[in-house]
Structures are given as C-alpha cells and as structure tokens.
Amino acid sequence: MYHALILLSVAMFGGGFALNEQYRRKRGDSLSVSLEFSAIGATAGFFILLAANRFRIECTPFTLVMALLSTLLGIGYTFFSFKAFQYVNLSLYSLFSMLGGMALPFLQGILFYNEGITVAKALCFAFILAALLLTVERGKGKTGIGYCLGVFVLNGMSGVLSKLFTSLPYEKASATGYSLMIAICTAILSLVLLFVLLAARRRSGEERGSAAIGKPTAVCAAVGAANGVINRVANLLLVIALAHVQASVQYPMVTGGVIIVSTAIAFFGKSKPSKRELCSVVLAFAGLMILFLLPF
C-alpha cells in the first residue's frame, strides 16, 4: 500500500514540474514572482489539507520548528529553480533537482538510520544516476551552475527533513497536520517577504520589471493553485509512506518514477522526447524493477 502511495506521489510530482515551468514562463523568474508563486500554492494547499485533516490544526513546538525549516527550504528551492531556468535547460535542471532529491535522503538512511546497503539499492541508484546523466544536454554556459547546486541541496534537504520529522522521538502532529503547518508557514512567510520586498522597491523607486508588474492573471493563479495542491498532497503521501518505507528505497523510487512520468507528459507537448530521453526511461524503469524484484 505504501509503495502505491509513493507511485501516486510520483505521478503528481511529474505534473507539478510542468505547472512550475508554465508559471515561470507566464510571470517571469524574479524573487517577487517566486514568492508570489509560493504564496498562491501554499494558500490553495492549505484549504485542501485543512479539509483532509478534518478542519483541525495540530501544532507542537517540534512540529512548528520543523515546519518553519521546511518552509525556508521550500521558498529557497522555488527561488533557485526560477533563477536556474534563466541559464540552463530543463534536462540539466532536472538532473540536479532529482539527483539531490535522491542522493541526500539515500545517504541519510544508509549512514544514520542503519538501513543497510544492498545489491538491489546500489544497482537501482546506479541505473537511475545513469538515466539522469543521459538526459543532460548542453545548456547556456556555467553561470547557472550555482543555482543548480542550490536546487540540488534544497531538494535533497527536503527529503532529509521529512525523515527527521518521522523518526525523531518528540511529540509531533500527524503527517497531515505537519503538512498543513508547512502550508500555513509558507503562505504567511511568502506574503510577508513579498510585501516587504515590494515596499522596499517602491520606496527606492526601483523598477520591478515587466515580469513582476501587476497581479497574476486568473490563468496564472489557477496554475499556481493547482501546483500548490498537487505538491502538498504529493509530499503528504511521501511523509506518510516514509514511516513505513526506508528512505534509501523511497527516494530512488521517486526519482526514477518522475523521470518516467515527465517523459510520458512530454509526448503530449510540442517537444517530443528524444531517443536519449527514451533510453533514460528504460534505465530508470530497469532500476525500479531491480529494487522491487532483486531479493538481496
């Protein structure tokens, strides 16, 4: 059942990637737009999670601290993602994002939680790494590598933080309550930072740029809200599954699955998957099959 939850979250993350890029294209990639995107998504996610949690808000000191840390990671990840797209193509961005999301929780589980390294885990990791490397195309120079490294660390630390929340022996909210608290903190902090940023720019007379002028259109708001709901629910499913599935198993599943889903989505867009991308899907699928079927 918990493997099924992971696979469902994978399908949702694939859709979220597409929505993220669509919003950036329509609104730009400035800091104010990334904060706007975070605020819209978190607010929409809040209402869905509130209903899922039977209109209860759970909070303990540990839950609040972890939610605030997760909020800072999420806002930073959104900003670095928007900036990275100025300099690198989607394949290079995806490499850093997915590899960070897989490698850091994988190493955390092996090194600190005695999950053990098996032949199946090692081969799965190697196959998915090869699949990611195969998708890389030449970008627009090395300028964006710093932003890509930020994406790598921040996406990886999100998984690390989820593992810490589920495993540390402190009084805590339920998985849904924790996700709800993250949505609340993200919406509030994003709006406060956005207000402070725009107020400072008005006082200094600084131009905000065409990408940040005016309110988002109804279409942009809908895209941001859909992305927020999808990602909040997908992350909730991962937190639930993480209490029952090893991190060194879960996160390679997520990474390999997102490669497959993203490529499938590309068939419905203008830019069809290349032969290299199709080969990467085969490698990712092979890695997942090894993880599931190899008994050692």
Protein backbone atom coordinates (compact mmCIF):
# COMPACT_ATOMS: atom_id res chain seq x y z
CA MET A 1 0.00 0.00 0.00
CA TYR A 2 2.79 2.42 0.90
CA HIS A 3 4.61 1.71 -2.37
CA ALA A 4 1.35 2.60 -4.12
CA LEU A 5 1.27 5.94 -2.25
CA ILE A 6 4.82 6.66 -3.44
CA LEU A 7 3.89 5.88 -7.04
CA LEU A 8 0.84 8.16 -6.79
CA SER A 9 3.02 10.98 -5.46
CA VAL A 10 5.44 10.41 -8.35
CA ALA A 11 2.67 10.94 -10.89
CA MET A 12 1.66 14.15 -9.10
CA PHE A 13 5.23 15.49 -8.97
CA GLY A 14 5.57 14.99 -12.73
CA GLY A 15 2.53 17.19 -13.29
CA GLY A 16 3.82 19.74 -10.79
CA PHE A 17 7.09 20.15 -12.73
CA ALA A 18 5.13 21.08 -15.85
CA LEU A 19 2.98 23.61 -13.96
CA ASN A 20 6.02 25.20 -12.33
CA GLU A 21 7.66 25.83 -15.70
CA GLN A 22 4.41 27.13 -17.20
CA TYR A 23 4.00 29.69 -14.39
CA ARG A 24 7.60 30.88 -14.76
CA ARG A 25 7.13 31.40 -18.48
CA LYS A 26 3.99 33.48 -17.95
CA ARG A 27 5.19 35.58 -14.99
CA GLY A 28 8.99 35.63 -15.10
CA ASP A 29 11.63 34.45 -12.66
CA SER A 30 12.25 37.33 -10.25
CA LEU A 31 12.33 36.89 -6.46
CA SER A 32 8.94 38.61 -6.15
CA VAL A 33 7.36 36.20 -8.65
CA SER A 34 8.82 33.16 -6.87
CA LEU A 35 7.38 34.42 -3.56
CA GLU A 36 4.05 35.07 -5.28
CA PHE A 37 4.08 31.52 -6.66
CA SER A 38 4.86 30.06 -3.21
CA ALA A 39 2.10 32.09 -1.55
CA ILE A 40 -0.56 31.08 -4.09
CA GLY A 41 0.38 27.41 -3.97
CA ALA A 42 0.59 27.27 -0.18
CA THR A 43 -2.78 29.01 0.26
CA ALA A 44 -4.52 26.59 -2.11
CA GLY A 45 -2.78 23.65 -0.47
CA PHE A 46 -3.84 24.89 2.96
CA PHE A 47 -7.56 24.55 2.21
CA ILE A 48 -7.16 21.04 0.80
CA LEU A 49 -5.05 19.86 3.73
CA LEU A 50 -7.35 21.53 6.25
CA ALA A 51 -10.28 19.55 4.86
CA ALA A 52 -8.17 16.37 4.83
CA ASN A 53 -7.30 16.94 8.49
CA ARG A 54 -10.99 17.35 9.40
CA PHE A 55 -10.57 21.10 9.91
CA ARG A 56 -8.14 20.60 12.79
CA ILE A 57 -4.83 22.44 13.16
CA GLU A 58 -2.28 20.41 15.09
CA CYS A 59 0.80 22.10 16.49
CA THR A 60 3.59 21.14 18.87
CA PRO A 61 6.88 23.02 19.35
CA PHE A 62 8.75 20.34 17.40
CA THR A 63 6.20 20.38 14.57
CA LEU A 64 6.37 24.17 14.32
CA VAL A 65 10.18 24.22 14.20
CA MET A 66 10.29 21.53 11.52
CA ALA A 67 7.53 23.26 9.54
CA LEU A 68 9.45 26.55 9.61
CA LEU A 69 12.63 24.82 8.43
CA SER A 70 10.69 23.10 5.65
CA THR A 71 9.15 26.44 4.68
CA LEU A 72 12.56 28.08 4.32
CA LEU A 73 13.77 25.16 2.22
CA GLY A 74 10.66 25.32 0.01
CA ILE A 75 10.86 29.06 -0.61
CA GLY A 76 14.58 28.81 -1.33
CA TYR A 77 14.00 25.89 -3.70
CA THR A 78 11.35 27.81 -5.64
CA PHE A 79 13.61 30.85 -5.99
CA PHE A 80 16.67 28.84 -7.06
CA SER A 81 14.52 26.88 -9.52
CA PHE A 82 13.18 30.03 -11.16
CA LYS A 83 16.67 31.53 -11.42
CA ALA A 84 18.26 28.30 -12.72
CA PHE A 85 15.88 28.26 -15.68
CA GLN A 86 17.42 31.56 -16.85
CA TYR A 87 20.69 29.79 -17.61
CA VAL A 88 20.21 26.04 -18.05
CA ASN A 89 17.83 23.79 -19.92
CA LEU A 90 15.21 21.60 -18.29
CA SER A 91 17.32 18.44 -18.56
CA LEU A 92 20.25 19.91 -16.61
CA TYR A 93 17.89 21.43 -14.03
CA SER A 94 16.12 18.09 -13.62
CA LEU A 95 19.47 16.33 -13.16
CA PHE A 96 20.43 18.48 -10.18
CA SER A 97 16.93 18.51 -8.69
CA MET A 98 16.25 14.78 -8.95
CA LEU A 99 19.79 13.72 -8.04
CA GLY A 100 19.72 15.89 -4.90
CA GLY A 101 16.28 14.58 -4.01
CA MET A 102 17.56 11.01 -4.33
CA ALA A 103 21.15 11.15 -3.08
CA LEU A 104 20.87 13.06 0.20
CA PRO A 105 17.98 11.04 1.73
CA PHE A 106 19.56 7.83 0.36
CA LEU A 107 22.84 8.58 2.14
CA GLN A 108 20.99 9.72 5.25
CA GLY A 109 19.18 6.40 5.52
CA ILE A 110 22.35 4.36 4.92
CA LEU A 111 24.69 6.36 7.19
CA PHE A 112 22.45 7.39 10.09
CA TYR A 113 19.49 5.01 10.22
CA ASN A 114 21.16 1.65 9.69
CA GLU A 115 19.02 0.89 6.63
CA GLY A 116 21.90 -1.06 5.13
CA ILE A 117 23.29 -1.05 1.62
CA THR A 118 22.11 -3.94 -0.55
CA VAL A 119 22.94 -5.00 -4.09
CA ALA A 120 19.41 -4.01 -5.17
CA LYS A 121 19.73 -0.49 -3.70
CA ALA A 122 23.18 0.06 -5.17
CA LEU A 123 22.16 -1.11 -8.64
CA CYS A 124 18.94 0.93 -8.56
CA PHE A 125 20.90 4.05 -7.56
CA ALA A 126 23.44 3.44 -10.34
CA PHE A 127 20.77 2.85 -13.02
CA ILE A 128 18.83 5.99 -12.08
CA LEU A 129 22.01 8.08 -11.94
CA ALA A 130 22.86 6.84 -15.45
CA ALA A 131 19.31 7.71 -16.57
CA LEU A 132 19.69 11.25 -15.24
CA LEU A 133 23.10 11.76 -16.83
CA LEU A 134 21.77 10.54 -20.15
CA THR A 135 19.17 13.34 -20.25
CA VAL A 136 21.71 16.15 -19.88
CA GLU A 137 22.09 18.45 -22.86
CA ARG A 138 24.43 21.39 -23.30
CA GLY A 139 22.99 24.42 -21.51
CA LYS A 140 23.69 28.14 -21.82
CA GLY A 141 27.03 28.18 -20.03
CA LYS A 142 28.21 27.71 -16.48
CA THR A 143 26.52 30.78 -14.99
CA GLY A 144 23.56 28.83 -13.67
CA ILE A 145 25.53 26.03 -12.00
CA GLY A 146 25.45 27.88 -8.67
CA TYR A 147 21.66 28.00 -8.82
CA CYS A 148 21.59 24.32 -9.82
CA LEU A 149 23.71 23.42 -6.80
CA GLY A 150 21.20 25.29 -4.65
CA VAL A 151 18.41 23.23 -6.23
CA PHE A 152 20.40 20.05 -5.55
CA VAL A 153 20.92 20.80 -1.85
CA LEU A 154 17.50 22.27 -1.10
CA ASN A 155 15.53 19.49 -2.80
CA GLY A 156 17.67 16.87 -1.09
CA MET A 157 17.33 18.51 2.31
CA SER A 158 13.55 18.45 1.95
CA GLY A 159 13.67 14.64 2.00
CA VAL A 160 16.19 14.66 4.84
CA LEU A 161 13.89 16.88 6.89
CA SER A 162 10.90 14.61 6.26
CA LYS A 163 12.88 11.62 7.51
CA LEU A 164 13.92 13.53 10.62
CA PHE A 165 10.32 14.50 11.35
CA THR A 166 9.05 10.94 11.14
CA SER A 167 11.91 9.41 13.12
CA LEU A 168 12.85 11.82 15.92
CA PRO A 169 11.20 10.91 19.27
CA TYR A 170 9.44 14.20 20.03
CA GLU A 171 5.76 14.98 20.42
CA LYS A 172 4.53 15.77 16.94
CA ALA A 173 1.48 16.30 14.78
CA SER A 174 0.18 13.72 12.35
CA ALA A 175 1.59 13.65 8.83
CA THR A 176 -1.40 15.66 7.59
CA GLY A 177 -1.12 18.11 10.48
CA TYR A 178 2.58 18.60 9.73
CA SER A 179 1.90 19.22 6.03
CA LEU A 180 -0.86 21.67 6.98
CA MET A 181 1.50 23.57 9.28
CA ILE A 182 4.06 23.83 6.46
CA ALA A 183 1.38 25.27 4.17
CA ILE A 184 0.41 27.85 6.81
CA CYS A 185 4.02 28.89 7.45
CA THR A 186 4.79 29.06 3.72
CA ALA A 187 1.75 31.20 2.91
CA ILE A 188 2.41 33.64 5.76
CA LEU A 189 6.16 33.94 5.26
CA SER A 190 5.89 34.25 1.46
CA LEU A 191 3.30 37.03 1.74
CA VAL A 192 5.30 38.90 4.39
CA LEU A 193 8.53 38.70 2.38
CA LEU A 194 6.69 39.70 -0.80
CA PHE A 195 5.14 42.73 0.92
CA VAL A 196 8.50 43.81 2.39
CA LEU A 197 10.27 43.37 -0.96
CA LEU A 198 7.72 45.34 -2.97
CA ALA A 199 7.51 48.06 -0.31
CA ALA A 200 11.28 48.45 -0.35
CA ARG A 201 11.30 48.71 -4.14
CA ARG A 202 8.58 51.35 -4.12
CA ARG A 203 10.47 53.43 -1.56
CA SER A 204 13.67 53.26 -3.58
CA GLY A 205 11.86 53.92 -6.87
CA GLU A 206 13.36 50.75 -8.35
CA GLU A 207 11.75 49.33 -11.47
CA ARG A 208 10.15 45.96 -10.81
CA GLY A 209 10.39 44.72 -14.37
CA SER A 210 7.62 43.60 -16.69
CA ALA A 211 7.56 40.06 -15.27
CA ALA A 212 6.66 41.35 -11.80
CA ILE A 213 4.26 44.18 -12.73
CA GLY A 214 0.61 43.76 -11.85
CA LYS A 215 -1.34 40.93 -10.33
CA PRO A 216 -1.24 37.41 -11.76
CA THR A 217 -3.97 36.66 -14.27
CA ALA A 218 -6.72 34.19 -13.48
CA VAL A 219 -4.91 31.57 -15.56
CA CYS A 220 -1.63 32.12 -13.68
CA ALA A 221 -3.43 31.99 -10.34
CA ALA A 222 -5.10 28.73 -11.33
CA VAL A 223 -1.76 27.24 -12.43
CA GLY A 224 -0.12 28.29 -9.16
CA ALA A 225 -3.02 26.94 -7.09
CA ALA A 226 -3.04 23.62 -8.95
CA ASN A 227 0.70 23.27 -8.47
CA GLY A 228 0.34 24.00 -4.76
CA VAL A 229 -2.40 21.42 -4.25
CA ILE A 230 -0.54 18.77 -6.23
CA ASN A 231 2.76 19.25 -4.44
CA ARG A 232 1.25 19.50 -0.94
CA VAL A 233 -0.72 16.29 -1.39
CA ALA A 234 2.23 14.50 -3.04
CA ASN A 235 4.58 15.48 -0.20
CA LEU A 236 1.99 14.39 2.35
CA LEU A 237 1.84 10.95 0.73
CA LEU A 238 5.64 10.71 0.96
CA VAL A 239 5.65 11.67 4.65
CA ILE A 240 3.01 9.00 5.34
CA ALA A 241 4.94 6.36 3.40
CA LEU A 242 8.25 7.33 4.99
CA ALA A 243 7.10 5.99 8.34
CA HIS A 244 6.90 2.51 6.74
CA VAL A 245 9.37 2.54 3.81
CA GLN A 246 13.13 3.06 4.08
CA ALA A 247 14.39 6.43 2.79
CA SER A 248 17.04 4.59 0.77
CA VAL A 249 14.21 2.79 -1.03
CA GLN A 250 11.62 5.56 -1.25
CA TYR A 251 13.67 8.35 -2.82
CA PRO A 252 15.23 6.33 -5.66
CA MET A 253 11.64 5.25 -6.41
CA VAL A 254 10.55 8.89 -6.54
CA THR A 255 13.44 9.97 -8.77
CA GLY A 256 13.11 7.07 -11.22
CA GLY A 257 9.36 7.46 -11.32
CA VAL A 258 9.49 11.20 -12.04
CA ILE A 259 11.82 10.55 -14.99
CA ILE A 260 9.26 8.15 -16.46
CA VAL A 261 6.24 10.39 -15.78
CA SER A 262 7.92 13.55 -17.08
CA THR A 263 8.84 11.81 -20.32
CA ALA A 264 5.29 10.48 -20.71
CA ILE A 265 3.90 14.01 -20.23
CA ALA A 266 6.31 15.30 -22.89
CA PHE A 267 4.53 13.16 -25.51
CA PHE A 268 1.53 15.48 -25.17
CA GLY A 269 3.57 18.67 -25.61
CA LYS A 270 5.17 20.35 -28.59
CA SER A 271 8.63 18.97 -27.86
CA LYS A 272 8.54 15.18 -28.10
CA PRO A 273 11.00 13.06 -26.09
CA SER A 274 14.32 12.40 -27.80
CA LYS A 275 15.90 8.97 -28.18
CA ARG A 276 18.20 9.76 -25.28
CA GLU A 277 15.23 10.62 -23.06
CA LEU A 278 13.50 7.38 -24.03
CA CYS A 279 16.68 5.44 -23.19
CA SER A 280 16.77 7.19 -19.81
CA VAL A 281 13.22 5.98 -19.15
CA VAL A 282 14.29 2.41 -19.91
CA LEU A 283 17.21 2.74 -17.47
CA ALA A 284 15.01 4.26 -14.76
CA PHE A 285 12.40 1.54 -15.18
CA ALA A 286 15.12 -1.13 -15.03
CA GLY A 287 16.43 0.40 -11.81
CA LEU A 288 12.99 0.33 -10.22
CA MET A 289 12.44 -3.26 -11.27
CA ILE A 290 15.77 -4.24 -9.72
CA LEU A 291 14.76 -2.51 -6.48
CA PHE A 292 11.43 -4.34 -6.39
CA LEU A 293 12.46 -7.79 -7.62
CA LEU A 294 16.06 -8.39 -6.58
CA PRO A 295 15.94 -10.19 -3.20
CA PHE A 296 19.36 -9.04 -1.98
